Protein backbone atom coordinates (compact mmCIF):
# COMPACT_ATOMS: atom_id res chain seq x y z
CA UNK A 1 -32.35 111.74 187.67
CA UNK A 2 -33.44 112.15 191.27
CA UNK A 3 -36.60 110.13 191.85
CA UNK A 4 -38.89 109.81 194.87
CA UNK A 5 -40.56 106.39 195.01
CA UNK A 6 -43.53 106.43 197.38
CA UNK A 7 -44.28 102.90 198.56
CA UNK A 8 -40.83 101.76 197.44
CA UNK A 9 -40.60 99.08 200.15
CA UNK A 10 -43.54 97.16 198.72
CA UNK A 11 -43.72 94.46 196.06
CA UNK A 12 -43.77 96.54 192.87
CA UNK A 13 -42.08 99.59 194.37
CA UNK A 14 -39.02 97.68 195.57
CA UNK A 15 -38.44 96.19 192.12
CA UNK A 16 -38.80 99.66 190.61
CA UNK A 17 -36.27 101.13 193.03
CA UNK A 18 -33.75 98.43 192.12
CA UNK A 19 -34.18 99.14 188.40
CA UNK A 20 -33.75 102.89 188.90
CA UNK A 21 -30.70 102.49 191.14
CA UNK A 22 -29.08 100.00 188.75
CA UNK A 23 -29.63 102.52 185.94
CA UNK A 24 -27.64 105.16 187.84
CA UNK A 25 -30.49 107.29 189.18
CA UNK A 26 -30.54 108.70 192.71
CA UNK A 27 -33.53 107.17 194.50
CA UNK A 28 -35.25 108.07 197.75
CA UNK A 29 -37.90 105.68 199.11
CA UNK A 30 -40.78 107.02 201.20
CA UNK A 31 -42.72 104.22 202.91
CA UNK A 32 -44.62 104.01 206.19
CA UNK A 33 -43.94 100.21 206.30
CA UNK A 34 -47.61 99.44 206.94
CA UNK A 35 -47.49 96.86 204.17
CA UNK A 36 -43.99 97.52 202.86
CA UNK A 37 -41.02 95.64 204.26
CA UNK A 38 -37.74 97.14 205.39
CA UNK A 39 -36.00 94.02 204.05
CA UNK A 40 -37.17 94.87 200.53
CA UNK A 41 -35.77 98.41 200.65
CA UNK A 42 -32.33 97.26 199.55
CA UNK A 43 -31.70 100.08 197.08
CA UNK A 44 -32.00 103.83 197.49
CA UNK A 45 -32.36 105.79 200.73
CA UNK A 46 -35.31 104.74 202.90
CA UNK A 47 -37.30 107.44 204.68
CA UNK A 48 -39.94 105.96 207.00
CA UNK A 49 -42.93 108.25 206.84
CA UNK A 50 -46.34 108.85 205.31
CA UNK A 51 -47.26 110.43 201.97
CA UNK A 52 -50.04 112.28 203.80
CA UNK A 53 -47.55 114.22 205.98
CA UNK A 54 -47.19 117.65 204.31
CA UNK A 55 -44.32 118.80 206.54
CA UNK A 56 -42.27 115.69 205.72
CA UNK A 57 -42.98 116.06 202.01
CA UNK A 58 -41.94 119.70 202.10
CA UNK A 59 -38.60 118.80 203.70
CA UNK A 60 -37.96 116.04 201.17
CA UNK A 61 -38.81 118.15 198.14
CA UNK A 62 -36.65 121.04 199.29
CA UNK A 63 -33.69 118.81 200.14
CA UNK A 64 -33.59 116.64 197.03
CA UNK A 65 -35.17 118.66 194.18
CA UNK A 66 -36.61 115.56 192.56
CA UNK A 67 -37.04 115.24 188.82
CA UNK A 68 -40.04 112.97 189.27
CA UNK A 69 -42.21 111.02 191.68
CA UNK A 70 -43.49 107.45 191.38
CA UNK A 71 -46.49 106.38 193.45
CA UNK A 72 -46.91 102.74 194.63
CA UNK A 73 -48.36 103.41 198.09
CA UNK A 74 -52.05 102.60 197.65
CA UNK A 75 -54.15 100.27 199.76
CA UNK A 76 -55.09 97.54 197.30
CA UNK A 77 -57.31 94.77 198.71
CA UNK A 78 -60.67 94.72 196.94
CA UNK A 79 -62.55 92.95 199.72
CA UNK A 80 -61.19 95.25 202.39
CA UNK A 81 -62.13 98.27 200.30
CA UNK A 82 -65.76 97.11 200.39
CA UNK A 83 -65.77 96.58 204.17
CA UNK A 84 -63.68 99.68 204.99
CA UNK A 85 -64.06 102.25 202.18
CA UNK A 86 -62.94 105.12 204.41
CA UNK A 87 -59.42 103.68 204.54
CA UNK A 88 -59.26 103.55 200.75
CA UNK A 89 -60.58 107.03 200.08
CA UNK A 90 -58.35 108.47 202.80
CA UNK A 91 -55.12 106.76 201.76
CA UNK A 92 -55.59 106.41 198.02
CA UNK A 93 -57.27 109.75 197.39
CA UNK A 94 -56.84 112.26 200.23
CA UNK A 95 -53.22 111.41 201.06
CA UNK A 96 -52.27 111.35 197.38
CA UNK A 97 -53.77 114.81 196.93
CA UNK A 98 -51.46 115.95 199.76
CA UNK A 99 -48.54 114.52 197.77
CA UNK A 100 -49.66 116.18 194.53
CA UNK A 101 -50.11 119.54 196.23
CA UNK A 102 -46.59 119.34 197.66
CA UNK A 103 -45.28 118.58 194.18
CA UNK A 104 -47.10 121.59 192.73
CA UNK A 105 -45.76 123.90 195.46
CA UNK A 106 -42.22 122.75 194.76
CA UNK A 107 -42.41 122.82 190.97
CA UNK A 108 -42.08 119.05 190.42
CA UNK A 109 -43.82 118.32 187.13
CA UNK A 110 -43.47 114.57 186.51
CA UNK A 111 -45.64 111.93 188.22
CA UNK A 112 -46.02 108.20 187.54
CA UNK A 113 -49.16 106.71 189.07
CA UNK A 114 -49.75 103.04 189.79
CA UNK A 115 -53.35 102.50 188.67
CA UNK A 116 -55.31 99.31 188.07
CA UNK A 117 -57.58 97.40 185.71
CA UNK A 118 -60.14 97.58 188.53
CA UNK A 119 -61.08 101.04 187.20
CA UNK A 120 -62.90 99.27 184.35
CA UNK A 121 -65.23 97.14 186.46
CA UNK A 122 -67.08 94.32 184.72
CA UNK A 123 -65.67 94.00 181.17
CA UNK A 124 -67.93 94.99 178.31
CA UNK A 125 -65.47 93.48 175.83
CA UNK A 126 -62.04 91.91 175.87
CA UNK A 127 -59.18 92.52 175.36
CA UNK A 128 -59.66 95.76 177.28
CA UNK A 129 -58.17 98.87 175.71
CA UNK A 130 -57.98 102.44 177.04
CA UNK A 131 -61.34 103.31 175.39
CA UNK A 132 -63.19 100.70 177.47
CA UNK A 133 -65.79 102.26 179.83
CA UNK A 134 -64.49 102.84 183.35
CA UNK A 135 -67.19 101.79 185.80
CA UNK A 136 -65.48 100.36 188.91
CA UNK A 137 -67.52 98.03 191.09
CA UNK A 138 -65.63 98.46 194.37
CA UNK A 139 -64.11 101.34 196.38
CA UNK A 140 -60.56 100.26 195.48
CA UNK A 141 -61.18 100.68 191.76
CA UNK A 142 -63.20 103.83 192.38
CA UNK A 143 -60.37 105.41 194.39
CA UNK A 144 -57.91 104.81 191.56
CA UNK A 145 -60.31 106.22 188.98
CA UNK A 146 -60.77 109.32 191.13
CA UNK A 147 -57.02 109.86 191.07
CA UNK A 148 -56.90 109.48 187.30
CA UNK A 149 -59.51 112.24 187.03
CA UNK A 150 -57.69 114.41 189.56
CA UNK A 151 -54.49 114.06 187.54
CA UNK A 152 -56.28 115.35 184.44
CA UNK A 153 -57.43 118.40 186.38
CA UNK A 154 -53.96 118.98 187.86
CA UNK A 155 -52.39 118.75 184.41
CA UNK A 156 -54.75 121.42 183.09
CA UNK A 157 -54.59 123.75 186.10
CA UNK A 158 -51.01 123.33 187.34
CA UNK A 159 -49.02 121.77 184.50
CA UNK A 160 -48.42 118.58 186.49
CA UNK A 161 -47.66 115.94 183.84
CA UNK A 162 -48.51 112.34 184.67
CA UNK A 163 -48.75 108.82 183.34
CA UNK A 164 -51.20 106.38 184.95
CA UNK A 165 -50.36 102.73 184.36
CA UNK A 166 -53.24 100.29 184.74
CA UNK A 167 -52.01 96.85 185.77
CA UNK A 168 -53.88 93.66 185.16
CA UNK A 169 -52.17 90.85 187.16
CA UNK A 170 -48.70 91.69 188.43
CA UNK A 171 -46.67 88.55 189.12
CA UNK A 172 -43.24 86.96 189.19
CA UNK A 173 -40.17 88.07 191.10
CA UNK A 174 -36.76 89.61 190.63
CA UNK A 175 -34.79 87.24 188.36
CA UNK A 176 -31.78 87.72 190.68
CA UNK A 177 -33.81 86.34 193.59
CA UNK A 178 -33.33 89.43 195.78
CA UNK A 179 -36.94 90.64 195.77
CA UNK A 180 -40.45 89.23 195.51
CA UNK A 181 -43.99 89.27 196.88
CA UNK A 182 -44.50 89.77 200.63
CA UNK A 183 -48.24 90.31 200.95
CA UNK A 184 -50.09 89.58 204.18
CA UNK A 185 -52.67 88.37 203.50
CA UNK A 186 -51.64 86.99 200.14
CA UNK A 187 -54.38 87.19 197.50
CA UNK A 188 -52.57 86.55 194.20
CA UNK A 189 -52.92 83.19 192.49
CA UNK A 190 -49.30 82.38 191.63
CA UNK A 191 -47.81 82.96 195.11
CA UNK A 192 -50.77 81.14 196.67
CA UNK A 193 -50.07 78.08 194.52
CA UNK A 194 -46.35 78.22 195.31
CA UNK A 195 -46.96 78.64 199.03
CA UNK A 196 -48.98 75.44 198.88
CA UNK A 197 -46.06 73.77 197.12
CA UNK A 198 -43.51 74.97 199.69
CA UNK A 199 -45.65 73.87 202.63
CA UNK A 200 -46.50 77.35 203.89
CA UNK A 201 -50.13 76.83 202.90
CA UNK A 202 -52.33 73.73 203.16
CA UNK A 203 -53.73 73.82 199.61
CA UNK A 204 -54.87 76.00 196.72
CA UNK A 205 -58.57 76.46 195.91
CA UNK A 206 -60.04 76.79 192.42
CA UNK A 207 -63.11 79.02 192.66
CA UNK A 208 -65.38 77.70 189.93
CA UNK A 209 -64.91 75.45 186.90
CA UNK A 210 -68.01 76.42 184.96
CA UNK A 211 -66.92 79.64 183.29
CA UNK A 212 -67.26 80.17 179.53
CA UNK A 213 -63.57 79.49 178.90
CA UNK A 214 -61.67 76.64 177.29
CA UNK A 215 -61.18 74.69 180.53
CA UNK A 216 -63.93 76.28 182.62
CA UNK A 217 -61.65 78.32 184.89
CA UNK A 218 -61.12 82.09 184.87
CA UNK A 219 -58.61 83.59 182.46
CA UNK A 220 -56.33 86.45 183.51
CA UNK A 221 -53.54 88.47 181.92
CA UNK A 222 -50.32 87.94 183.92
CA UNK A 223 -47.51 90.47 183.59
CA UNK A 224 -44.05 89.96 185.05
CA UNK A 225 -42.95 92.49 187.64
CA UNK A 226 -39.83 93.34 185.62
CA UNK A 227 -41.97 94.20 182.61
CA UNK A 228 -44.13 96.45 184.77
CA UNK A 229 -41.02 98.25 185.96
CA UNK A 230 -39.70 98.73 182.44
CA UNK A 231 -42.99 100.41 181.51
CA UNK A 232 -42.66 102.79 184.47
CA UNK A 233 -39.10 103.67 183.51
CA UNK A 234 -40.12 104.39 179.91
CA UNK A 235 -43.06 106.50 181.09
CA UNK A 236 -40.86 108.62 183.36
CA UNK A 237 -38.31 109.11 180.59
CA UNK A 238 -41.09 110.20 178.23
CA UNK A 239 -42.29 112.84 180.69
CA UNK A 240 -38.86 114.17 181.67
CA UNK A 241 -37.71 114.37 178.05
CA UNK A 242 -40.84 116.27 177.09
CA UNK A 243 -42.07 113.61 174.65
CA UNK A 244 -45.27 113.26 176.68
CA UNK A 245 -47.27 115.81 178.66
CA UNK A 246 -50.68 116.19 180.22
CA UNK A 247 -52.37 113.26 181.95
CA UNK A 248 -51.99 110.00 180.01
CA UNK A 249 -53.09 106.47 180.86
CA UNK A 250 -51.90 103.13 179.52
CA UNK A 251 -53.07 99.55 180.07
CA UNK A 252 -50.30 97.08 180.87
CA UNK A 253 -50.57 93.37 180.14
CA UNK A 254 -49.22 90.69 177.86
CA UNK A 255 -52.33 90.76 175.70
CA UNK A 256 -52.97 87.04 176.15
CA UNK A 257 -54.46 85.32 179.14
CA UNK A 258 -53.81 82.14 181.11
CA UNK A 259 -56.52 80.22 182.91
CA UNK A 260 -56.36 79.28 186.57
CA UNK A 261 -55.89 75.67 185.50
CA UNK A 262 -53.06 76.63 183.14
CA UNK A 263 -51.28 78.37 186.03
CA UNK A 264 -51.70 75.28 188.22
CA UNK A 265 -50.39 73.00 185.46
CA UNK A 266 -47.36 75.23 184.79
CA UNK A 267 -46.63 75.48 188.52
CA UNK A 268 -46.66 71.70 188.85
CA UNK A 269 -44.07 71.44 186.09
CA UNK A 270 -41.84 73.96 187.87
CA UNK A 271 -42.07 72.68 191.45
CA UNK A 272 -41.81 68.98 190.61
CA UNK A 273 -38.21 69.62 189.55
CA UNK A 274 -37.41 70.31 193.21
CA UNK A 275 -39.46 67.40 194.54
CA UNK A 276 -42.50 69.41 195.56
CA UNK A 277 -46.20 69.14 194.83
CA UNK A 278 -49.42 70.66 196.17
CA UNK A 279 -53.08 69.91 196.85
CA UNK A 280 -55.85 71.50 194.77
CA UNK A 281 -59.30 71.92 196.31
CA UNK A 282 -62.55 72.89 194.60
CA UNK A 283 -64.64 75.90 195.58
CA UNK A 284 -67.69 77.80 194.38
CA UNK A 285 -67.53 80.84 192.15
CA UNK A 286 -66.74 84.11 193.92
CA UNK A 287 -69.11 87.05 193.31
CA UNK A 288 -67.72 89.55 190.81
CA UNK A 289 -65.15 87.28 189.15
CA UNK A 290 -65.40 87.86 185.36
CA UNK A 291 -64.62 84.89 183.14
CA UNK A 292 -61.89 86.69 181.17
CA UNK A 293 -59.77 89.78 181.89
CA UNK A 294 -57.13 90.45 179.25
CA UNK A 295 -55.44 93.75 178.39
CA UNK A 296 -54.96 95.43 175.06
CA UNK A 297 -51.58 97.09 175.69
CA UNK A 298 -51.07 98.23 172.12
CA UNK A 299 -50.99 101.91 173.05
CA UNK A 300 -48.11 101.45 175.50
CA UNK A 301 -46.20 99.50 172.87
CA UNK A 302 -46.75 102.14 170.20
CA UNK A 303 -46.27 105.30 172.26
CA UNK A 304 -43.71 104.19 174.87
CA UNK A 305 -41.89 101.51 172.87
CA UNK A 306 -42.67 99.02 175.63
CA UNK A 307 -42.46 95.30 174.93
CA UNK A 308 -42.69 92.63 177.67
CA UNK A 309 -39.60 90.43 177.97
CA UNK A 310 -41.05 87.72 180.24
CA UNK A 311 -44.27 86.62 178.56
CA UNK A 312 -43.75 82.88 179.09
CA UNK A 313 -45.84 81.65 182.03
CA UNK A 314 -43.35 79.01 183.10
CA UNK A 315 -40.54 81.58 183.29
CA UNK A 316 -42.74 83.84 185.41
CA UNK A 317 -43.46 80.96 187.79
CA UNK A 318 -39.82 79.84 187.92
CA UNK A 319 -38.77 83.30 189.13
CA UNK A 320 -41.59 83.34 191.69
CA UNK A 321 -40.72 79.80 192.85
CA UNK A 322 -37.08 80.74 193.43
CA UNK A 323 -38.29 83.56 195.67
CA UNK A 324 -40.83 81.37 197.47
CA UNK A 325 -38.20 78.76 198.28
CA UNK A 326 -36.05 81.46 199.87
CA UNK A 327 -39.10 82.70 201.73
CA UNK A 328 -39.94 79.29 203.11
CA UNK A 329 -36.40 78.80 204.42
CA UNK A 330 -35.26 82.32 205.36
CA UNK A 331 -38.52 84.23 205.96
CA UNK A 332 -37.18 87.22 204.03
CA UNK A 333 -40.41 89.17 204.34
CA UNK A 334 -39.97 89.92 208.04
């Protein structure tokens, strides 16, 4: 297949591009490099540009005649979305509509959308399945939910088939050590812990130990980046083969959570093997942090045949630690 990966120089997108290229597909990456990194665009052809540029999209779609498009180009910082909602509605909604309209004009019918568990807001119950109410509590989650609704309307009106994949906590790194997280600022727990271990960060802070969980710290569902990518590949195959149509959404997670303390304990076991350790500091609860967020991914397993291969927390951290050590010495994210 010929696949356009928008945001393919970012964390998840770059891993997806590698998987597609290794599977023999022709891949073109469109990324404006605002948060993506040229160093991560190791596979496929990189076009530096914006998904909100209709003239550029028109040229790309006419030149390559893509079989499908994958979208990883959203702005994704919850706090920033609260302080600057315009950026999130412009990039995540308006620019994506420009992309969808270009697809419709050029007869491209298959779209994979990177959505988020933030569309659900505060959990009413857990594990969270696709029937859970979607009531986002920040502009980031709201922007993603808007796109999910837009995709339903585009499926009905224009025959644009899509799969929206709602991530819980993406983590880990390429098992080969070629790719990994390059966020600035970094907000994810596992890389923050490992940056403290490598010396790139002073310490790691635990925000609250009085939650209604086994050890008092928040519980989250961590899913390895490679497992996320396998779900995207299966979703695209389902659309292109005609097995799925319309606008479908799936939750992606391992279905079991790990607490903040469990992540810290597992990380210590991994980094001590290389003679490293890290400092843990205590902080107050952060507003809006639910005690438990765990996915029910049964629908993706049943309908896509998707089964995570890297469910073990220590394996996830080992892959991320390998990447972090390279980062600390080579600064690969420049």
